[in-house]
């Protein structure tokens, strides 16, 4: 029984069944192998296992061996199609949620950096207040450095913010020397 579960949780097996479900006419193994981007011997072995389980049936016309899903094979393939569809929808939702979270995090970093920058570069802070703001900026820089963003655009934006923080830190060093 474990062999059957292992077979059905194999990506190529699912791709083969979905490929056969999408095109209901009988096909031969080489075409299926091309469709699922796999080598023929591997696909042939999977098809043999599926045939042994009575999920796929084969017949010959001349020298060509054709395959098609059995009724049970079709039922399982349709369930797998539903599962894959649900997984795809879930993956898309998660991606969008994470994208929003990353965007919100970047906006928080931008706003906080701008607020600290305005205070530090105003020249109106006393020495103790300046040190407090520098400490906030340092903690913010560390947090920003440790934050992993998922897309290239967000990583690029992170690098721009880090450059801005480094610039502010350099400007503040010059100010602190004057104290």
N, C-alpha and C. Protein backbone atom coordinates (compact mmCIF):
# COMPACT_ATOMS: atom_id res chain seq x y z
N UNK A 1 0.82 -1.20 0.00
CA UNK A 1 0.00 0.00 0.00
C UNK A 1 0.86 1.26 0.00
N UNK A 2 2.00 1.27 0.70
CA UNK A 2 2.87 2.43 0.72
C UNK A 2 3.40 2.75 -0.67
N UNK A 3 3.60 1.72 -1.50
CA UNK A 3 4.10 1.95 -2.86
C UNK A 3 3.10 2.77 -3.67
N UNK A 4 1.83 2.52 -3.48
CA UNK A 4 0.80 3.27 -4.21
C UNK A 4 0.83 4.73 -3.77
N UNK A 5 0.91 4.98 -2.47
CA UNK A 5 0.97 6.35 -1.98
C UNK A 5 2.20 7.06 -2.52
N UNK A 6 3.31 6.37 -2.52
CA UNK A 6 4.55 6.95 -3.04
C UNK A 6 4.40 7.27 -4.52
N UNK A 7 3.74 6.42 -5.25
CA UNK A 7 3.52 6.63 -6.67
C UNK A 7 2.67 7.89 -6.90
N UNK A 8 1.62 8.06 -6.12
CA UNK A 8 0.72 9.19 -6.32
C UNK A 8 1.26 10.50 -5.78
N UNK A 9 2.25 10.46 -4.94
CA UNK A 9 2.84 11.70 -4.47
C UNK A 9 4.14 12.00 -5.21
N UNK A 10 4.26 11.39 -6.37
CA UNK A 10 5.39 11.65 -7.26
C UNK A 10 4.90 12.67 -8.29
N UNK A 11 5.65 13.75 -8.43
CA UNK A 11 5.24 14.84 -9.33
C UNK A 11 5.03 14.35 -10.76
N UNK A 12 5.91 13.51 -11.26
CA UNK A 12 5.78 13.04 -12.65
C UNK A 12 4.53 12.18 -12.84
N UNK A 13 4.20 11.39 -11.85
CA UNK A 13 2.99 10.57 -11.94
C UNK A 13 1.77 11.48 -12.10
N UNK A 14 1.71 12.50 -11.27
CA UNK A 14 0.58 13.42 -11.34
C UNK A 14 0.57 14.14 -12.69
N UNK A 15 1.73 14.58 -13.14
CA UNK A 15 1.80 15.26 -14.45
C UNK A 15 1.32 14.34 -15.57
N UNK A 16 1.69 13.08 -15.50
CA UNK A 16 1.27 12.12 -16.53
C UNK A 16 -0.24 11.95 -16.51
N UNK A 17 -0.80 11.77 -15.33
CA UNK A 17 -2.26 11.59 -15.23
C UNK A 17 -3.00 12.85 -15.70
N UNK A 18 -2.50 14.01 -15.31
CA UNK A 18 -3.15 15.25 -15.73
C UNK A 18 -3.03 15.46 -17.23
N UNK A 19 -1.89 15.08 -17.78
CA UNK A 19 -1.69 15.18 -19.23
C UNK A 19 -2.68 14.29 -19.97
N UNK A 20 -2.87 13.08 -19.46
CA UNK A 20 -3.79 12.15 -20.10
C UNK A 20 -5.25 12.60 -19.91
N UNK A 21 -5.53 13.27 -18.83
CA UNK A 21 -6.88 13.76 -18.56
C UNK A 21 -7.22 14.92 -19.49
N UNK A 22 -6.26 15.80 -19.71
CA UNK A 22 -6.50 16.97 -20.55
C UNK A 22 -6.83 16.60 -21.99
N UNK A 23 -6.19 15.54 -22.47
CA UNK A 23 -6.42 15.12 -23.85
C UNK A 23 -7.00 13.72 -23.79
N UNK A 24 -8.29 13.61 -23.93
CA UNK A 24 -8.95 12.33 -23.68
C UNK A 24 -8.72 11.26 -24.73
N UNK A 25 -8.18 11.64 -25.87
CA UNK A 25 -7.96 10.61 -26.89
C UNK A 25 -6.75 9.75 -26.50
N UNK A 26 -6.75 8.49 -26.90
CA UNK A 26 -5.62 7.61 -26.58
C UNK A 26 -4.33 8.14 -27.19
N UNK A 27 -3.23 7.97 -26.44
CA UNK A 27 -1.94 8.48 -26.90
C UNK A 27 -0.86 7.44 -26.65
N UNK A 28 0.29 7.69 -27.21
CA UNK A 28 1.36 6.73 -26.97
C UNK A 28 2.42 7.34 -26.06
N UNK A 29 3.18 6.48 -25.37
CA UNK A 29 4.07 6.90 -24.29
C UNK A 29 5.08 8.00 -24.67
N UNK A 30 5.61 7.95 -25.88
CA UNK A 30 6.62 8.93 -26.27
C UNK A 30 6.05 10.35 -26.23
N UNK A 31 4.83 10.53 -26.70
CA UNK A 31 4.19 11.85 -26.69
C UNK A 31 3.97 12.31 -25.25
N UNK A 32 3.54 11.40 -24.40
CA UNK A 32 3.33 11.74 -22.98
C UNK A 32 4.65 12.16 -22.35
N UNK A 33 5.73 11.44 -22.64
CA UNK A 33 7.05 11.77 -22.09
C UNK A 33 7.46 13.18 -22.50
N UNK A 34 7.21 13.54 -23.74
CA UNK A 34 7.54 14.89 -24.21
C UNK A 34 6.70 15.94 -23.50
N UNK A 35 5.42 15.64 -23.32
CA UNK A 35 4.52 16.61 -22.68
C UNK A 35 4.90 16.88 -21.23
N UNK A 36 5.37 15.87 -20.52
CA UNK A 36 5.72 16.05 -19.11
C UNK A 36 7.21 16.32 -18.92
N UNK A 37 7.91 16.50 -20.04
CA UNK A 37 9.33 16.85 -20.03
C UNK A 37 10.15 15.85 -19.19
N UNK A 38 10.04 14.60 -19.58
CA UNK A 38 10.76 13.54 -18.89
C UNK A 38 11.28 12.54 -19.92
N UNK A 39 12.23 11.74 -19.48
CA UNK A 39 12.78 10.75 -20.41
C UNK A 39 11.80 9.59 -20.57
N UNK A 40 11.82 9.04 -21.74
CA UNK A 40 10.87 7.98 -22.09
C UNK A 40 10.91 6.80 -21.10
N UNK A 41 12.10 6.25 -20.75
CA UNK A 41 12.10 5.08 -19.85
C UNK A 41 11.42 5.36 -18.51
N UNK A 42 11.62 6.58 -17.98
CA UNK A 42 11.00 6.92 -16.70
C UNK A 42 9.48 6.95 -16.82
N UNK A 43 8.99 7.61 -17.87
CA UNK A 43 7.55 7.68 -18.11
C UNK A 43 6.98 6.30 -18.38
N UNK A 44 7.71 5.51 -19.15
CA UNK A 44 7.26 4.15 -19.45
C UNK A 44 7.07 3.35 -18.17
N UNK A 45 8.03 3.46 -17.24
CA UNK A 45 7.93 2.73 -15.96
C UNK A 45 6.72 3.18 -15.14
N UNK A 46 6.49 4.47 -15.11
CA UNK A 46 5.33 4.98 -14.37
C UNK A 46 4.04 4.49 -15.02
N UNK A 47 3.98 4.57 -16.33
CA UNK A 47 2.78 4.10 -17.05
C UNK A 47 2.55 2.61 -16.81
N UNK A 48 3.62 1.85 -16.73
CA UNK A 48 3.51 0.40 -16.46
C UNK A 48 2.90 0.19 -15.07
N UNK A 49 3.37 0.96 -14.08
CA UNK A 49 2.81 0.85 -12.73
C UNK A 49 1.33 1.24 -12.71
N UNK A 50 1.02 2.33 -13.43
CA UNK A 50 -0.38 2.76 -13.49
C UNK A 50 -1.25 1.72 -14.18
N UNK A 51 -0.69 1.06 -15.16
CA UNK A 51 -1.43 0.00 -15.85
C UNK A 51 -1.62 -1.20 -14.93
N UNK A 52 -0.59 -1.54 -14.16
CA UNK A 52 -0.70 -2.64 -13.19
C UNK A 52 -1.78 -2.36 -12.15
N UNK A 53 -2.01 -1.08 -11.86
CA UNK A 53 -3.03 -0.67 -10.89
C UNK A 53 -4.41 -0.47 -11.54
N UNK A 54 -4.50 -0.77 -12.83
CA UNK A 54 -5.74 -0.64 -13.60
C UNK A 54 -6.25 0.80 -13.68
N UNK A 55 -5.32 1.74 -13.70
CA UNK A 55 -5.68 3.14 -13.85
C UNK A 55 -5.46 3.62 -15.28
N UNK A 56 -4.62 2.88 -15.98
CA UNK A 56 -4.34 3.15 -17.39
C UNK A 56 -4.48 1.83 -18.11
N UNK A 57 -5.01 1.89 -19.32
CA UNK A 57 -5.08 0.67 -20.13
C UNK A 57 -4.38 0.93 -21.46
N UNK A 58 -3.82 -0.13 -21.98
CA UNK A 58 -3.12 0.02 -23.26
C UNK A 58 -3.67 -0.98 -24.27
N UNK A 59 -3.48 -0.64 -25.51
CA UNK A 59 -3.85 -1.55 -26.59
C UNK A 59 -2.96 -1.22 -27.78
N UNK A 60 -2.84 -2.16 -28.68
CA UNK A 60 -1.98 -1.97 -29.84
C UNK A 60 -2.80 -1.85 -31.10
N UNK A 61 -2.35 -0.95 -31.93
CA UNK A 61 -2.86 -0.85 -33.29
C UNK A 61 -1.64 -0.97 -34.18
N UNK A 62 -1.51 -2.11 -34.79
CA UNK A 62 -0.29 -2.37 -35.56
C UNK A 62 0.88 -2.51 -34.60
N UNK A 63 1.91 -1.71 -34.82
CA UNK A 63 3.09 -1.78 -33.95
C UNK A 63 3.06 -0.70 -32.87
N UNK A 64 2.05 0.14 -32.89
CA UNK A 64 2.00 1.26 -31.95
C UNK A 64 1.12 0.90 -30.75
N UNK A 65 1.65 1.17 -29.56
CA UNK A 65 0.93 0.92 -28.31
C UNK A 65 0.30 2.23 -27.85
N UNK A 66 -1.01 2.22 -27.71
CA UNK A 66 -1.75 3.40 -27.26
C UNK A 66 -2.16 3.23 -25.81
N UNK A 67 -2.33 4.35 -25.12
CA UNK A 67 -2.74 4.35 -23.72
C UNK A 67 -3.92 5.29 -23.51
N UNK A 68 -4.73 4.95 -22.54
CA UNK A 68 -5.81 5.84 -22.14
C UNK A 68 -6.13 5.55 -20.67
N UNK A 69 -6.76 6.51 -20.03
CA UNK A 69 -7.16 6.34 -18.64
C UNK A 69 -8.36 5.41 -18.56
N UNK A 70 -8.39 4.61 -17.53
CA UNK A 70 -9.58 3.82 -17.24
C UNK A 70 -10.56 4.72 -16.50
N UNK A 71 -11.74 4.22 -16.23
CA UNK A 71 -12.72 5.02 -15.48
C UNK A 71 -12.16 5.41 -14.12
N UNK A 72 -11.53 4.45 -13.42
CA UNK A 72 -10.93 4.75 -12.11
C UNK A 72 -9.77 5.72 -12.26
N UNK A 73 -8.97 5.54 -13.29
CA UNK A 73 -7.85 6.44 -13.55
C UNK A 73 -8.32 7.86 -13.78
N UNK A 74 -9.43 8.00 -14.51
CA UNK A 74 -10.00 9.30 -14.77
C UNK A 74 -10.50 9.95 -13.47
N UNK A 75 -11.15 9.16 -12.61
CA UNK A 75 -11.63 9.69 -11.33
C UNK A 75 -10.47 10.23 -10.49
N UNK A 76 -9.41 9.44 -10.41
CA UNK A 76 -8.25 9.86 -9.62
C UNK A 76 -7.60 11.08 -10.25
N UNK A 77 -7.45 11.09 -11.57
CA UNK A 77 -6.84 12.23 -12.26
C UNK A 77 -7.66 13.51 -12.03
N UNK A 78 -8.97 13.38 -12.04
CA UNK A 78 -9.82 14.56 -11.80
C UNK A 78 -9.65 15.07 -10.37
N UNK A 79 -9.55 14.16 -9.42
CA UNK A 79 -9.31 14.58 -8.03
C UNK A 79 -7.96 15.27 -7.90
N UNK A 80 -6.95 14.70 -8.55
CA UNK A 80 -5.62 15.32 -8.51
C UNK A 80 -5.65 16.71 -9.16
N UNK A 81 -6.42 16.85 -10.22
CA UNK A 81 -6.55 18.15 -10.89
C UNK A 81 -7.16 19.17 -9.92
N UNK A 82 -8.20 18.75 -9.18
CA UNK A 82 -8.81 19.64 -8.19
C UNK A 82 -7.81 20.03 -7.10
N UNK A 83 -7.07 19.05 -6.63
CA UNK A 83 -6.06 19.30 -5.60
C UNK A 83 -5.02 20.29 -6.11
N UNK A 84 -4.51 20.05 -7.30
CA UNK A 84 -3.50 20.94 -7.87
C UNK A 84 -4.06 22.35 -8.07
N UNK A 85 -5.31 22.42 -8.47
CA UNK A 85 -5.95 23.72 -8.65
C UNK A 85 -6.02 24.45 -7.31
N UNK A 86 -6.44 23.74 -6.26
CA UNK A 86 -6.53 24.34 -4.92
C UNK A 86 -5.16 24.77 -4.43
N UNK A 87 -4.14 23.95 -4.67
CA UNK A 87 -2.78 24.29 -4.25
C UNK A 87 -2.32 25.54 -5.00
N UNK A 88 -2.61 25.60 -6.29
CA UNK A 88 -2.23 26.77 -7.08
C UNK A 88 -2.90 28.04 -6.57
N UNK A 89 -4.19 27.95 -6.25
CA UNK A 89 -4.91 29.10 -5.70
C UNK A 89 -4.32 29.52 -4.37
N UNK A 90 -4.02 28.54 -3.52
CA UNK A 90 -3.42 28.81 -2.21
C UNK A 90 -2.07 29.49 -2.38
N UNK A 91 -1.25 28.95 -3.27
CA UNK A 91 0.08 29.51 -3.50
C UNK A 91 -0.01 30.96 -3.98
N UNK A 92 -0.96 31.24 -4.84
CA UNK A 92 -1.14 32.60 -5.35
C UNK A 92 -1.57 33.55 -4.22
N UNK A 93 -2.52 33.08 -3.37
CA UNK A 93 -2.96 33.91 -2.24
C UNK A 93 -1.82 34.21 -1.29
N UNK A 94 -1.04 33.18 -0.97
CA UNK A 94 0.09 33.36 -0.06
C UNK A 94 1.10 34.34 -0.65
N UNK A 95 1.39 34.19 -1.93
CA UNK A 95 2.33 35.09 -2.60
C UNK A 95 1.85 36.54 -2.49
N UNK A 96 0.56 36.76 -2.75
CA UNK A 96 0.01 38.12 -2.68
C UNK A 96 0.06 38.66 -1.26
N UNK A 97 -0.26 37.82 -0.27
CA UNK A 97 -0.22 38.25 1.13
C UNK A 97 1.20 38.62 1.54
N UNK A 98 2.14 37.79 1.16
CA UNK A 98 3.55 38.08 1.50
C UNK A 98 4.04 39.32 0.79
N UNK A 99 3.59 39.52 -0.42
CA UNK A 99 3.97 40.72 -1.17
C UNK A 99 3.46 41.97 -0.44
N UNK A 100 2.22 41.91 0.06
CA UNK A 100 1.66 43.03 0.81
C UNK A 100 2.42 43.25 2.11
N UNK A 101 2.76 42.15 2.80
CA UNK A 101 3.52 42.25 4.05
C UNK A 101 4.88 42.90 3.80
N UNK A 102 5.56 42.47 2.74
CA UNK A 102 6.87 43.03 2.42
C UNK A 102 6.76 44.51 2.08
N UNK A 103 5.74 44.85 1.32
CA UNK A 103 5.53 46.25 0.95
C UNK A 103 5.27 47.10 2.18
N UNK A 104 4.46 46.60 3.09
CA UNK A 104 4.16 47.32 4.33
C UNK A 104 5.42 47.47 5.17
N UNK A 105 6.23 46.43 5.25
CA UNK A 105 7.48 46.50 6.02
C UNK A 105 8.41 47.54 5.42
N UNK A 106 8.54 47.54 4.09
CA UNK A 106 9.39 48.54 3.44
C UNK A 106 8.89 49.95 3.73
N UNK A 107 7.58 50.15 3.68
CA UNK A 107 7.01 51.47 3.97
C UNK A 107 7.29 51.90 5.40
N UNK A 108 7.20 50.96 6.35
CA UNK A 108 7.51 51.29 7.74
C UNK A 108 8.97 51.70 7.88
N UNK A 109 9.87 50.94 7.22
CA UNK A 109 11.29 51.29 7.26
C UNK A 109 11.50 52.69 6.69
N UNK A 110 10.90 52.97 5.53
CA UNK A 110 11.06 54.27 4.88
C UNK A 110 10.61 55.40 5.80
N UNK A 111 9.42 55.25 6.38
CA UNK A 111 8.87 56.30 7.24
C UNK A 111 9.73 56.51 8.47
N UNK A 112 10.17 55.43 9.09
CA UNK A 112 10.99 55.55 10.29
C UNK A 112 12.33 56.19 9.98
N UNK A 113 12.94 55.76 8.87
CA UNK A 113 14.22 56.35 8.47
C UNK A 113 14.05 57.84 8.20
N UNK A 114 12.99 58.20 7.51
CA UNK A 114 12.75 59.61 7.20
C UNK A 114 12.57 60.43 8.48
N UNK A 115 11.82 59.90 9.42
CA UNK A 115 11.59 60.60 10.69
C UNK A 115 12.90 60.80 11.44
N UNK A 116 13.69 59.75 11.55
CA UNK A 116 14.98 59.84 12.26
C UNK A 116 15.91 60.79 11.52
N UNK A 117 15.95 60.68 10.19
CA UNK A 117 16.82 61.55 9.38
C UNK A 117 16.47 63.01 9.61
N UNK A 118 15.18 63.31 9.59
CA UNK A 118 14.74 64.70 9.78
C UNK A 118 15.21 65.22 11.13
N UNK A 119 15.07 64.42 12.17
CA UNK A 119 15.50 64.84 13.51
C UNK A 119 17.02 65.02 13.58
N UNK A 120 17.73 64.02 13.06
CA UNK A 120 19.19 64.05 13.19
C UNK A 120 19.84 65.16 12.36
N UNK A 121 19.36 65.39 11.18
CA UNK A 121 20.00 66.36 10.30
C UNK A 121 19.45 67.78 10.45
N UNK A 122 18.49 67.92 11.36
CA UNK A 122 17.94 69.26 11.60
C UNK A 122 18.93 70.16 12.32
N UNK A 123 19.81 69.53 13.09
CA UNK A 123 20.78 70.30 13.86
C UNK A 123 20.19 70.91 15.11
N UNK A 124 18.97 70.57 15.45
CA UNK A 124 18.28 71.15 16.60
C UNK A 124 18.31 70.26 17.84
N UNK A 125 18.85 69.06 17.71
CA UNK A 125 18.86 68.12 18.84
C UNK A 125 20.06 68.37 19.74
N UNK A 126 19.83 68.14 21.02
CA UNK A 126 20.95 68.19 21.95
C UNK A 126 21.72 66.89 21.85
N UNK A 127 22.88 66.86 22.47
CA UNK A 127 23.79 65.71 22.35
C UNK A 127 23.11 64.40 22.77
N UNK A 128 22.43 64.39 23.90
CA UNK A 128 21.79 63.17 24.41
C UNK A 128 20.69 62.70 23.47
N UNK A 129 19.88 63.62 22.96
CA UNK A 129 18.82 63.27 22.02
C UNK A 129 19.42 62.73 20.72
N UNK A 130 20.52 63.31 20.28
CA UNK A 130 21.19 62.86 19.07
C UNK A 130 21.64 61.41 19.24
N UNK A 131 22.24 61.10 20.39
CA UNK A 131 22.69 59.73 20.65
C UNK A 131 21.52 58.74 20.65
N UNK A 132 20.38 59.17 21.22
CA UNK A 132 19.20 58.30 21.22
C UNK A 132 18.73 58.00 19.79
N UNK A 133 18.69 59.02 18.97
CA UNK A 133 18.27 58.84 17.58
C UNK A 133 19.27 58.00 16.79
N UNK A 134 20.56 58.18 17.07
CA UNK A 134 21.59 57.37 16.40
C UNK A 134 21.42 55.91 16.80
N UNK A 135 21.13 55.66 18.06
CA UNK A 135 20.90 54.29 18.52
C UNK A 135 19.67 53.69 17.83
N UNK A 136 18.59 54.46 17.70
CA UNK A 136 17.41 53.98 16.97
C UNK A 136 17.76 53.63 15.53
N UNK A 137 18.55 54.52 14.90
CA UNK A 137 18.95 54.31 13.52
C UNK A 137 19.81 53.06 13.38
N UNK A 138 20.68 52.85 14.33
CA UNK A 138 21.55 51.67 14.31
C UNK A 138 20.72 50.38 14.43
N UNK A 139 19.76 50.39 15.35
CA UNK A 139 18.88 49.22 15.51
C UNK A 139 18.05 48.99 14.25
N UNK A 140 17.58 50.07 13.68
CA UNK A 140 16.78 49.98 12.45
C UNK A 140 17.63 49.41 11.30
N UNK A 141 18.88 49.88 11.20
CA UNK A 141 19.77 49.36 10.16
C UNK A 141 19.99 47.86 10.33
N UNK A 142 20.23 47.42 11.55
CA UNK A 142 20.43 45.99 11.82
C UNK A 142 19.20 45.19 11.44
N UNK A 143 18.04 45.69 11.81
CA UNK A 143 16.78 45.00 11.48
C UNK A 143 16.59 44.94 9.96
N UNK A 144 16.87 46.03 9.29
CA UNK A 144 16.73 46.08 7.83
C UNK A 144 17.71 45.11 7.16
N UNK A 145 18.94 45.06 7.65
CA UNK A 145 19.94 44.14 7.09
C UNK A 145 19.50 42.68 7.24
N UNK A 146 18.83 42.38 8.32
CA UNK A 146 18.41 41.00 8.60
C UNK A 146 17.10 40.61 7.93
N UNK A 147 16.37 41.57 7.42
CA UNK A 147 15.08 41.29 6.81
C UNK A 147 15.29 40.76 5.40
N UNK A 148 14.65 39.64 5.11
CA UNK A 148 14.73 39.05 3.77
C UNK A 148 13.46 39.36 3.00
N UNK A 149 13.65 40.00 1.86
CA UNK A 149 12.52 40.29 0.99
C UNK A 149 12.50 39.29 -0.14
N UNK A 150 11.33 39.05 -0.71
CA UNK A 150 11.15 37.94 -1.65
C UNK A 150 11.38 38.30 -3.12
N UNK A 151 11.21 39.56 -3.48
CA UNK A 151 11.35 39.90 -4.89
C UNK A 151 12.58 40.77 -5.12
N UNK A 152 13.03 40.80 -6.35
CA UNK A 152 14.20 41.61 -6.70
C UNK A 152 13.95 43.09 -6.45
N UNK A 153 12.75 43.56 -6.79
CA UNK A 153 12.43 44.97 -6.58
C UNK A 153 12.50 45.36 -5.11
N UNK A 154 11.98 44.48 -4.25
CA UNK A 154 12.00 44.77 -2.81
C UNK A 154 13.42 44.71 -2.26
N UNK A 155 14.22 43.77 -2.76
CA UNK A 155 15.63 43.70 -2.33
C UNK A 155 16.39 44.94 -2.79
N UNK A 156 16.07 45.41 -3.99
CA UNK A 156 16.70 46.62 -4.50
C UNK A 156 16.31 47.83 -3.64
N UNK A 157 15.05 47.89 -3.28
CA UNK A 157 14.56 48.97 -2.43
C UNK A 157 15.24 48.91 -1.05
N UNK A 158 15.41 47.71 -0.53
CA UNK A 158 16.10 47.52 0.75
C UNK A 158 17.52 48.07 0.66
N UNK A 159 18.22 47.76 -0.44
CA UNK A 159 19.59 48.24 -0.60
C UNK A 159 19.65 49.77 -0.68
N UNK A 160 18.67 50.37 -1.33
CA UNK A 160 18.61 51.83 -1.39
C UNK A 160 18.42 52.42 0.00
N UNK A 161 17.55 51.79 0.78
CA UNK A 161 17.32 52.27 2.14
C UNK A 161 18.58 52.12 2.99
N UNK A 162 19.27 51.01 2.83
CA UNK A 162 20.51 50.81 3.58
C UNK A 162 21.56 51.87 3.21
N UNK A 163 21.65 52.18 1.92
CA UNK A 163 22.58 53.23 1.49
C UNK A 163 22.21 54.57 2.13
N UNK A 164 20.91 54.82 2.20
CA UNK A 164 20.44 56.07 2.83
C UNK A 164 20.82 56.09 4.30
N UNK A 165 20.66 54.97 4.99
CA UNK A 165 21.01 54.88 6.41
C UNK A 165 22.51 55.11 6.58
N UNK A 166 23.33 54.49 5.74
CA UNK A 166 24.79 54.68 5.83
C UNK A 166 25.15 56.16 5.64
N UNK A 167 24.48 56.79 4.68
CA UNK A 167 24.72 58.21 4.43
C UNK A 167 24.37 59.04 5.67
N UNK A 168 23.21 58.77 6.26
CA UNK A 168 22.78 59.50 7.46
C UNK A 168 23.79 59.29 8.57
N UNK A 169 24.23 58.06 8.76
CA UNK A 169 25.21 57.76 9.82
C UNK A 169 26.51 58.55 9.61
N UNK A 170 26.94 58.66 8.37
CA UNK A 170 28.16 59.44 8.08
C UNK A 170 27.95 60.91 8.39
N UNK A 171 26.79 61.45 8.03
CA UNK A 171 26.49 62.85 8.31
C UNK A 171 26.42 63.11 9.81
N UNK A 172 25.85 62.17 10.54
CA UNK A 172 25.72 62.33 11.99
C UNK A 172 27.09 62.26 12.66
N UNK A 173 27.98 61.42 12.15
CA UNK A 173 29.35 61.35 12.71
C UNK A 173 30.01 62.72 12.63
N UNK A 174 29.83 63.38 11.50
CA UNK A 174 30.40 64.72 11.33
C UNK A 174 29.79 65.70 12.34
N UNK A 175 28.49 65.55 12.57
CA UNK A 175 27.80 66.42 13.53
C UNK A 175 28.29 66.15 14.95
N UNK A 176 28.48 64.88 15.28
CA UNK A 176 28.91 64.50 16.62
C UNK A 176 30.34 64.97 16.91
N UNK A 177 31.15 65.04 15.91
CA UNK A 177 32.51 65.52 16.10
C UNK A 177 32.49 66.96 16.57
N UNK A 178 31.50 67.72 16.13
CA UNK A 178 31.39 69.13 16.51
C UNK A 178 31.00 69.31 17.97
N UNK A 179 30.34 68.29 18.55
CA UNK A 179 29.90 68.42 19.95
C UNK A 179 31.10 68.43 20.79
